[in-house]
C-alpha atoms as a PDB file:
ATOM      1  CA  MET A   1      -0.355 -14.942 -12.451  1.00  0.00           C
ATOM      2  CA  LYS A   2       1.493 -15.735  -9.234  1.00  0.00           C
ATOM      3  CA  SER A   3       0.123 -13.257  -6.685  1.00  0.00           C
ATOM      4  CA  ILE A   4       1.025 -12.154  -3.167  1.00  0.00           C
ATOM      5  CA  ILE A   5      -0.687  -9.840  -0.680  1.00  0.00           C
ATOM      6  CA  LEU A   6       1.652  -7.531   1.258  1.00  0.00           C
ATOM      7  CA  ILE A   7       0.490  -6.488   4.733  1.00  0.00           C
ATOM      8  CA  PRO A   8       2.684  -4.215   6.888  1.00  0.00           C
ATOM      9  CA  THR A   9       1.953  -4.472  10.603  1.00  0.00           C
ATOM     10  CA  TYR A  10       2.724  -2.845  13.925  1.00  0.00           C
ATOM     11  CA  ASN A  11       0.656  -3.984  16.894  1.00  0.00           C
ATOM     12  CA  GLU A  12      -2.105  -5.534  14.776  1.00  0.00           C
ATOM     13  CA  ILE A  13      -2.493  -8.882  16.570  1.00  0.00           C
ATOM     14  CA  ASP A  14      -6.285  -8.679  16.924  1.00  0.00           C
ATOM     15  CA  ASN A  15      -6.786  -7.793  13.264  1.00  0.00           C
ATOM     16  CA  ILE A  16      -4.178 -10.066  11.690  1.00  0.00           C
ATOM     17  CA  GLN A  17      -5.536 -13.147  13.479  1.00  0.00           C
ATOM     18  CA  LYS A  18      -8.804 -12.677  11.589  1.00  0.00           C
ATOM     19  CA  LEU A  19      -7.517 -11.217   8.320  1.00  0.00           C
ATOM     20  CA  VAL A  20      -4.936 -13.845   7.351  1.00  0.00           C
ATOM     21  CA  PRO A  21      -7.249 -16.885   7.677  1.00  0.00           C
ATOM     22  CA  TYR A  22     -10.017 -15.030   5.872  1.00  0.00           C
ATOM     23  CA  LEU A  23      -7.799 -14.081   2.924  1.00  0.00           C
ATOM     24  CA  LEU A  24      -6.467 -17.634   2.632  1.00  0.00           C
ATOM     25  CA  SER A  25      -9.971 -19.105   2.615  1.00  0.00           C
ATOM     26  CA  LYS A  26     -11.248 -16.634   0.032  1.00  0.00           C
ATOM     27  CA  TYR A  27      -8.154 -16.661  -2.222  1.00  0.00           C
ATOM     28  CA  PRO A  28      -6.543 -20.102  -1.871  1.00  0.00           C
ATOM     29  CA  GLU A  29      -4.204 -19.497  -4.815  1.00  0.00           C
ATOM     30  CA  VAL A  30      -2.718 -16.308  -3.320  1.00  0.00           C
ATOM     31  CA  SER A  31       0.236 -16.018  -0.902  1.00  0.00           C
ATOM     32  CA  ILE A  32       0.503 -13.542   1.986  1.00  0.00           C
ATOM     33  CA  LEU A  33       3.570 -11.675   3.245  1.00  0.00           C
ATOM     34  CA  VAL A  34       3.356  -9.894   6.596  1.00  0.00           C
ATOM     35  CA  ILE A  35       6.071  -7.282   7.152  1.00  0.00           C
ATOM     36  CA  ASP A  36       6.116  -6.647  10.888  1.00  0.00           C
ATOM     37  CA  ASP A  37       8.053  -3.908  12.686  1.00  0.00           C
ATOM     38  CA  ASN A  38       8.828  -6.045  15.748  1.00  0.00           C
ATOM     39  CA  SER A  39       5.389  -5.468  17.273  1.00  0.00           C
ATOM     40  CA  PRO A  40       5.413  -5.578  21.079  1.00  0.00           C
ATOM     41  CA  ASP A  41       1.968  -7.210  21.018  1.00  0.00           C
ATOM     42  CA  GLY A  42       3.337 -10.390  19.397  1.00  0.00           C
ATOM     43  CA  THR A  43       1.949  -9.945  15.878  1.00  0.00           C
ATOM     44  CA  HIS A  44       5.082 -11.432  14.317  1.00  0.00           C
ATOM     45  CA  LYS A  45       5.078 -14.417  16.678  1.00  0.00           C
ATOM     46  CA  TRP A  46       1.505 -15.300  15.737  1.00  0.00           C
ATOM     47  CA  VAL A  47       2.290 -15.010  12.014  1.00  0.00           C
ATOM     48  CA  LYS A  48       5.445 -17.118  12.394  1.00  0.00           C
ATOM     49  CA  ASP A  49       3.528 -19.872  14.189  1.00  0.00           C
ATOM     50  CA  PHE A  50       0.735 -19.760  11.609  1.00  0.00           C
ATOM     51  CA  ALA A  51       3.217 -19.891   8.712  1.00  0.00           C
ATOM     52  CA  GLU A  52       4.723 -23.121  10.057  1.00  0.00           C
ATOM     53  CA  ASN A  53       1.460 -24.846   9.129  1.00  0.00           C
ATOM     54  CA  ASP A  54       0.685 -23.011   5.882  1.00  0.00           C
ATOM     55  CA  GLN A  55       3.343 -22.452   3.216  1.00  0.00           C
ATOM     56  CA  ARG A  56       1.295 -19.668   1.634  1.00  0.00           C
ATOM     57  CA  VAL A  57       2.070 -17.366   4.582  1.00  0.00           C
ATOM     58  CA  HIS A  58       5.434 -15.607   4.873  1.00  0.00           C
ATOM     59  CA  LEU A  59       6.927 -13.204   7.417  1.00  0.00           C
ATOM     60  CA  ILE A  60       9.543 -10.485   7.446  1.00  0.00           C
ATOM     61  CA  LYS A  61      10.284  -9.402  11.010  1.00  0.00           C
ATOM     62  CA  ARG A  62      12.124  -6.088  11.113  1.00  0.00           C
ATOM     63  CA  ALA A  63      14.283  -4.647  13.880  1.00  0.00           C
ATOM     64  CA  GLY A  64      11.807  -1.980  14.964  1.00  0.00           C
ATOM     65  CA  LYS A  65       9.273   0.613  13.891  1.00  0.00           C
ATOM     66  CA  MET A  66      10.815   1.756  10.600  1.00  0.00           C
ATOM     67  CA  GLY A  67       7.807   3.073   8.700  1.00  0.00           C
ATOM     68  CA  LEU A  68       5.251   2.065   6.106  1.00  0.00           C
ATOM     69  CA  GLY A  69       7.241   2.968   3.015  1.00  0.00           C
ATOM     70  CA  THR A  70      10.323   0.951   3.895  1.00  0.00           C
ATOM     71  CA  ALA A  71       8.089  -1.972   4.892  1.00  0.00           C
ATOM     72  CA  TYR A  72       6.492  -2.029   1.454  1.00  0.00           C
ATOM     73  CA  VAL A  73       9.896  -1.716  -0.237  1.00  0.00           C
ATOM     74  CA  GLU A  74      11.065  -4.817   1.622  1.00  0.00           C
ATOM     75  CA  GLY A  75       7.852  -6.528   0.561  1.00  0.00           C
ATOM     76  CA  TYR A  76       8.381  -5.576  -3.088  1.00  0.00           C
ATOM     77  CA  LYS A  77      11.934  -6.916  -3.005  1.00  0.00           C
ATOM     78  CA  TYR A  78      10.695 -10.183  -1.492  1.00  0.00           C
ATOM     79  CA  MET A  79       8.027 -10.417  -4.169  1.00  0.00           C
ATOM     80  CA  LEU A  80      10.504  -9.899  -7.018  1.00  0.00           C
ATOM     81  CA  THR A  81      13.115 -12.240  -5.554  1.00  0.00           C
ATOM     82  CA  ASN A  82      10.582 -15.033  -5.164  1.00  0.00           C
ATOM     83  CA  GLY A  83       9.093 -14.827  -8.634  1.00  0.00           C
ATOM     84  CA  PHE A  84       5.683 -13.306  -7.962  1.00  0.00           C
ATOM     85  CA  ASP A  85       3.982 -11.525 -10.868  1.00  0.00           C
ATOM     86  CA  VAL A  86       1.541  -9.393  -8.879  1.00  0.00           C
ATOM     87  CA  ALA A  87       1.575  -7.729  -5.457  1.00  0.00           C
ATOM     88  CA  VAL A  88      -1.543  -6.417  -3.728  1.00  0.00           C
ATOM     89  CA  GLN A  89      -0.790  -4.062  -0.833  1.00  0.00           C
ATOM     90  CA  MET A  90      -3.326  -3.500   1.912  1.00  0.00           C
ATOM     91  CA  ASP A  91      -3.705  -2.418   5.525  1.00  0.00           C
ATOM     92  CA  ALA A  92      -4.177  -4.945   8.315  1.00  0.00           C
ATOM     93  CA  ASP A  93      -6.873  -2.967  10.127  1.00  0.00           C
ATOM     94  CA  TYR A  94      -9.855  -3.738   7.851  1.00  0.00           C
ATOM     95  CA  SER A  95      -9.992  -0.195   6.512  1.00  0.00           C
ATOM     96  CA  HIS A  96      -9.455  -2.005   3.205  1.00  0.00           C
ATOM     97  CA  ASN A  97     -12.162  -4.551   2.438  1.00  0.00           C
ATOM     98  CA  PRO A  98     -10.516  -7.952   1.811  1.00  0.00           C
ATOM     99  CA  ASP A  99     -13.392  -8.846  -0.524  1.00  0.00           C
ATOM    100  CA  ASP A 100     -12.063  -6.194  -2.943  1.00  0.00           C
ATOM    101  CA  VAL A 101      -8.850  -8.139  -3.574  1.00  0.00           C
ATOM    102  CA  LYS A 102     -10.610 -10.124  -6.287  1.00  0.00           C
ATOM    103  CA  ILE A 103     -11.307  -6.873  -8.175  1.00  0.00           C
ATOM    104  CA  PHE A 104      -7.604  -5.980  -8.129  1.00  0.00           C
ATOM    105  CA  LEU A 105      -6.630  -9.425  -9.388  1.00  0.00           C
ATOM    106  CA  GLU A 106      -9.081  -9.089 -12.265  1.00  0.00           C
ATOM    107  CA  HIS A 107      -8.093  -5.573 -13.385  1.00  0.00           C
ATOM    108  CA  ILE A 108      -4.347  -6.180 -13.071  1.00  0.00           C
ATOM    109  CA  LYS A 109      -4.609  -8.524 -16.040  1.00  0.00           C
ATOM    110  CA  ASN A 110      -5.074  -5.446 -18.241  1.00  0.00           C
ATOM    111  CA  TYR A 111      -3.197  -2.730 -16.320  1.00  0.00           C
ATOM    112  CA  ASP A 112       0.172  -2.269 -14.649  1.00  0.00           C
ATOM    113  CA  LEU A 113      -0.985  -0.471 -11.506  1.00  0.00           C
ATOM    114  CA  VAL A 114      -4.507  -0.697 -10.091  1.00  0.00           C
ATOM    115  CA  ILE A 115      -5.588   1.706  -7.340  1.00  0.00           C
ATOM    116  CA  GLY A 116      -8.569   1.372  -5.036  1.00  0.00           C
ATOM    117  CA  SER A 117      -9.855   4.941  -5.015  1.00  0.00           C
ATOM    118  CA  ARG A 118     -11.790   6.667  -2.241  1.00  0.00           C
ATOM    119  CA  TYR A 119     -12.489   9.716  -4.411  1.00  0.00           C
ATOM    120  CA  ILE A 120     -13.095   8.623  -7.986  1.00  0.00           C
ATOM    121  CA  LYS A 121     -16.874   8.544  -7.395  1.00  0.00           C
ATOM    122  CA  GLY A 122     -17.607  11.156  -4.766  1.00  0.00           C
ATOM    123  CA  VAL A 123     -16.143  10.605  -1.305  1.00  0.00           C
ATOM    124  CA  ASN A 124     -16.303   7.030  -0.015  1.00  0.00           C
ATOM    125  CA  VAL A 125     -14.849   7.226   3.490  1.00  0.00           C
ATOM    126  CA  VAL A 126     -16.545   5.952   6.653  1.00  0.00           C
ATOM    127  CA  ASN A 127     -15.805   6.913  10.291  1.00  0.00           C
ATOM    128  CA  TRP A 128     -13.263   9.667   9.642  1.00  0.00           C
ATOM    129  CA  PRO A 129     -13.649  13.002  11.427  1.00  0.00           C
ATOM    130  CA  ILE A 130     -14.342  15.840   9.009  1.00  0.00           C
ATOM    131  CA  SER A 131     -10.903  17.381   9.670  1.00  0.00           C
ATOM    132  CA  ARG A 132      -9.052  14.274   8.501  1.00  0.00           C
ATOM    133  CA  LEU A 133     -11.370  13.775   5.552  1.00  0.00           C
ATOM    134  CA  LEU A 134     -10.766  17.332   4.358  1.00  0.00           C
ATOM    135  CA  LEU A 135      -7.016  16.925   4.859  1.00  0.00           C
ATOM    136  CA  SER A 136      -6.950  13.791   2.722  1.00  0.00           C
ATOM    137  CA  TYR A 137      -9.246  15.154   0.013  1.00  0.00           C
ATOM    138  CA  PHE A 138      -7.354  18.413  -0.425  1.00  0.00           C
ATOM    139  CA  ALA A 139      -3.987  16.631  -0.194  1.00  0.00           C
ATOM    140  CA  ASN A 140      -4.984  14.691  -3.285  1.00  0.00           C
ATOM    141  CA  MET A 141      -6.152  17.824  -5.060  1.00  0.00           C
ATOM    142  CA  TYR A 142      -2.878  19.549  -4.110  1.00  0.00           C
ATOM    143  CA  THR A 143      -0.899  16.590  -5.482  1.00  0.00           C
ATOM    144  CA  ARG A 144      -2.719  16.673  -8.815  1.00  0.00           C
ATOM    145  CA  ILE A 145      -2.203  20.428  -9.212  1.00  0.00           C
ATOM    146  CA  ILE A 146       1.521  20.414  -8.403  1.00  0.00           C
ATOM    147  CA  THR A 147       2.568  17.209 -10.167  1.00  0.00           C
ATOM    148  CA  GLY A 148      -0.051  16.764 -12.884  1.00  0.00           C
ATOM    149  CA  LEU A 149      -0.574  13.182 -11.690  1.00  0.00           C
ATOM    150  CA  PRO A 150      -3.941  12.156 -13.223  1.00  0.00           C
ATOM    151  CA  ILE A 151      -5.096  10.104 -10.248  1.00  0.00           C
ATOM    152  CA  LYS A 152      -8.021  10.957  -7.979  1.00  0.00           C
ATOM    153  CA  ASP A 153      -6.636   9.108  -4.960  1.00  0.00           C
ATOM    154  CA  GLY A 154      -2.865   9.422  -5.076  1.00  0.00           C
ATOM    155  CA  THR A 155      -2.425   8.903  -1.327  1.00  0.00           C
ATOM    156  CA  GLY A 156      -4.443   5.699  -0.911  1.00  0.00           C
ATOM    157  CA  GLY A 157      -2.683   2.507   0.132  1.00  0.00           C
ATOM    158  CA  PHE A 158      -4.952  -0.197  -1.327  1.00  0.00           C
ATOM    159  CA  LYS A 159      -3.147  -0.953  -4.591  1.00  0.00           C
ATOM    160  CA  CYS A 160      -1.884  -3.659  -6.896  1.00  0.00           C
ATOM    161  CA  PHE A 161       1.382  -3.649  -8.879  1.00  0.00           C
ATOM    162  CA  ARG A 162       2.641  -5.848 -11.662  1.00  0.00           C
ATOM    163  CA  SER A 163       6.222  -6.961 -11.168  1.00  0.00           C
ATOM    164  CA  GLU A 164       7.335  -5.059 -14.290  1.00  0.00           C
ATOM    165  CA  VAL A 165       6.523  -1.753 -12.610  1.00  0.00           C
ATOM    166  CA  LEU A 166       8.496  -2.544  -9.481  1.00  0.00           C
ATOM    167  CA  ARG A 167      11.493  -3.845 -11.436  1.00  0.00           C
ATOM    168  CA  SER A 168      11.650  -0.560 -13.341  1.00  0.00           C
ATOM    169  CA  ILE A 169      11.940   1.489 -10.130  1.00  0.00           C
ATOM    170  CA  ASN A 170      15.138   1.813  -8.127  1.00  0.00           C
ATOM    171  CA  LEU A 171      13.594   0.707  -4.844  1.00  0.00           C
ATOM    172  CA  ASP A 172      16.745   1.537  -2.888  1.00  0.00           C
ATOM    173  CA  LYS A 173      16.090   5.222  -3.612  1.00  0.00           C
ATOM    174  CA  ILE A 174      12.560   5.150  -2.183  1.00  0.00           C
ATOM    175  CA  LYS A 175      12.903   6.571   1.337  1.00  0.00           C
ATOM    176  CA  SER A 176       9.519   8.211   1.902  1.00  0.00           C
ATOM    177  CA  ASN A 177       6.740   6.958   4.190  1.00  0.00           C
ATOM    178  CA  GLY A 178       2.985   7.311   4.621  1.00  0.00           C
ATOM    179  CA  TYR A 179       1.149   9.550   2.161  1.00  0.00           C
ATOM    180  CA  SER A 180       4.333  10.626   0.413  1.00  0.00           C
ATOM    181  CA  PHE A 181       5.361   7.028  -0.259  1.00  0.00           C
ATOM    182  CA  GLN A 182       2.087   6.328  -2.048  1.00  0.00           C
ATOM    183  CA  ILE A 183       2.415   9.529  -4.080  1.00  0.00           C
ATOM    184  CA  GLU A 184       6.025   8.793  -5.025  1.00  0.00           C
ATOM    185  CA  MET A 185       5.333   5.247  -6.256  1.00  0.00           C
ATOM    186  CA  ASN A 186       2.296   6.365  -8.272  1.00  0.00           C
ATOM    187  CA  TYR A 187       4.130   9.303  -9.794  1.00  0.00           C
ATOM    188  CA  ILE A 188       7.156   7.303 -10.910  1.00  0.00           C
ATOM    189  CA  ALA A 189       4.944   4.574 -12.417  1.00  0.00           C
ATOM    190  CA  TRP A 190       2.955   7.230 -14.310  1.00  0.00           C
ATOM    191  CA  LYS A 191       6.071   9.015 -15.560  1.00  0.00           C
ATOM    192  CA  LYS A 192       7.484   5.722 -16.807  1.00  0.00           C
ATOM    193  CA  GLY A 193       4.403   5.251 -18.969  1.00  0.00           C
ATOM    194  CA  PHE A 194       2.740   2.349 -17.176  1.00  0.00           C
ATOM    195  CA  LYS A 195      -1.016   1.887 -17.483  1.00  0.00           C
ATOM    196  CA  ILE A 196      -2.888   2.935 -14.334  1.00  0.00           C
ATOM    197  CA  PHE A 197      -6.499   2.184 -13.458  1.00  0.00           C
ATOM    198  CA  GLU A 198      -8.629   3.392 -10.533  1.00  0.00           C
ATOM    199  CA  PHE A 199     -11.815   1.771  -9.324  1.00  0.00           C
ATOM    200  CA  PRO A 200     -14.028   2.924  -6.439  1.00  0.00           C
ATOM    201  CA  ILE A 201     -13.685   1.424  -2.973  1.00  0.00           C
ATOM    202  CA  VAL A 202     -15.236   2.250   0.380  1.00  0.00           C
ATOM    203  CA  PHE A 203     -12.601   3.054   3.011  1.00  0.00           C
ATOM    204  CA  THR A 204     -13.734   2.323   6.572  1.00  0.00           C
ATOM    205  CA  ASP A 205     -11.530   3.642   9.360  1.00  0.00           C
ATOM    206  CA  ARG A 206     -10.204   1.080  11.827  1.00  0.00           C
ATOM    207  CA  PHE A 207     -12.366  -0.257  14.629  1.00  0.00           C
ATOM    208  CA  GLN A 208      -9.463  -1.852  16.547  1.00  0.00           C
ATOM    209  CA  GLY A 209      -5.923  -0.679  17.245  1.00  0.00           C
ATOM    210  CA  THR A 210      -4.381   2.757  16.883  1.00  0.00           C
ATOM    211  CA  SER A 211      -3.959   4.929  13.797  1.00  0.00           C
ATOM    212  CA  LYS A 212      -0.364   5.454  12.593  1.00  0.00           C
ATOM    213  CA  MET A 213      -1.097   8.949  11.193  1.00  0.00           C
ATOM    214  CA  SER A 214       1.144  11.787  12.402  1.00  0.00           C
ATOM    215  CA  LYS A 215       2.015  15.406  11.580  1.00  0.00           C
ATOM    216  CA  LYS A 216       5.396  14.218  10.291  1.00  0.00           C
ATOM    217  CA  ILE A 217       3.676  12.080   7.637  1.00  0.00           C
ATOM    218  CA  VAL A 218       1.557  15.032   6.511  1.00  0.00           C
ATOM    219  CA  HIS A 219       4.527  17.425   6.294  1.00  0.00           C
ATOM    220  CA  GLU A 220       6.568  14.886   4.354  1.00  0.00           C
ATOM    221  CA  ALA A 221       3.803  14.577   1.762  1.00  0.00           C
ATOM    222  CA  ILE A 222       3.542  18.359   1.348  1.00  0.00           C
ATOM    223  CA  PHE A 223       7.194  18.632   0.376  1.00  0.00           C
ATOM    224  CA  MET A 224       7.339  15.363  -1.558  1.00  0.00           C
ATOM    225  CA  VAL A 225       5.156  16.639  -4.400  1.00  0.00           C
ATOM    226  CA  TRP A 226       7.555  19.530  -5.047  1.00  0.00           C
ATOM    227  CA  LYS A 227      10.532  17.199  -4.825  1.00  0.00           C
ATOM    228  CA  LEU A 228       8.986  14.864  -7.383  1.00  0.00           C
ATOM    229  CA  ARG A 229       8.193  17.706  -9.758  1.00  0.00           C
ATOM    230  CA  CYS A 230      11.786  18.999  -9.564  1.00  0.00           C
ATOM    231  CA  ARG A 231      13.250  15.527 -10.009  1.00  0.00           C
ATOM    232  CA  SER A 232      11.061  15.031 -13.065  1.00  0.00           C
ATOM    233  CA  LEU A 233      12.060  18.380 -14.595  1.00  0.00           C
ATOM    234  CA  PHE A 234      15.733  17.487 -14.261  1.00  0.00           C
ATOM    235  CA  GLY A 235      15.287  13.874 -15.401  1.00  0.00           C
ATOM    236  CA  ARG A 236      16.266  12.393 -12.050  1.00  0.00           C
ATOM    237  CA  LEU A 237      13.344  10.073 -11.257  1.00  0.00           C
ATOM    238  CA  ASP A 238      15.447   6.918 -11.727  1.00  0.00           C
END
């Protein structure tokens, strides 16, 4: 299968300079797409220069800081337009272990959506303060109760989609960001009957750069689960 790794970035120059070469060396058959929100630190310039010498690396430079969800939507559209079969999405900050990509590429042969789960076997999160850990854990429990989504980690961002899933979703209607974006994509895939698989990962909070978490992202997720449930009841998920 023709595979691509989608990496949204905003001020991730220190991380992306290490991550991209490492991924290319470990997975020589896989392409990489960096979707950068016009980072002031020059992330997009470094990727552009690197891509001139390696055709496996691609760049979408956006006008400004437009959010995680819309970045992934642009990445999905790029993936579908350019004939990729599989898209792995991951963070640039090493909170997602690049060595786990091989596990996604193996499981996606038998499933439509594969999720790297922090909570399917206990709690596998490193370096988070207890307040954020509890927020994330109970946000996932809240999501399962309200929506019925049978996923332990519905808010995680380390995932892998087959192209069939993304083609079935009207990506132009996906406007959410952060936690709520992850929930929305998982929920629609589940409701459409696609096969979903979770396997345990260890999530390690970033050592470099600044977290993009905000109260706005949390509030959006709280209301998104109710919105999804209502849309499902009235047959308006498409």
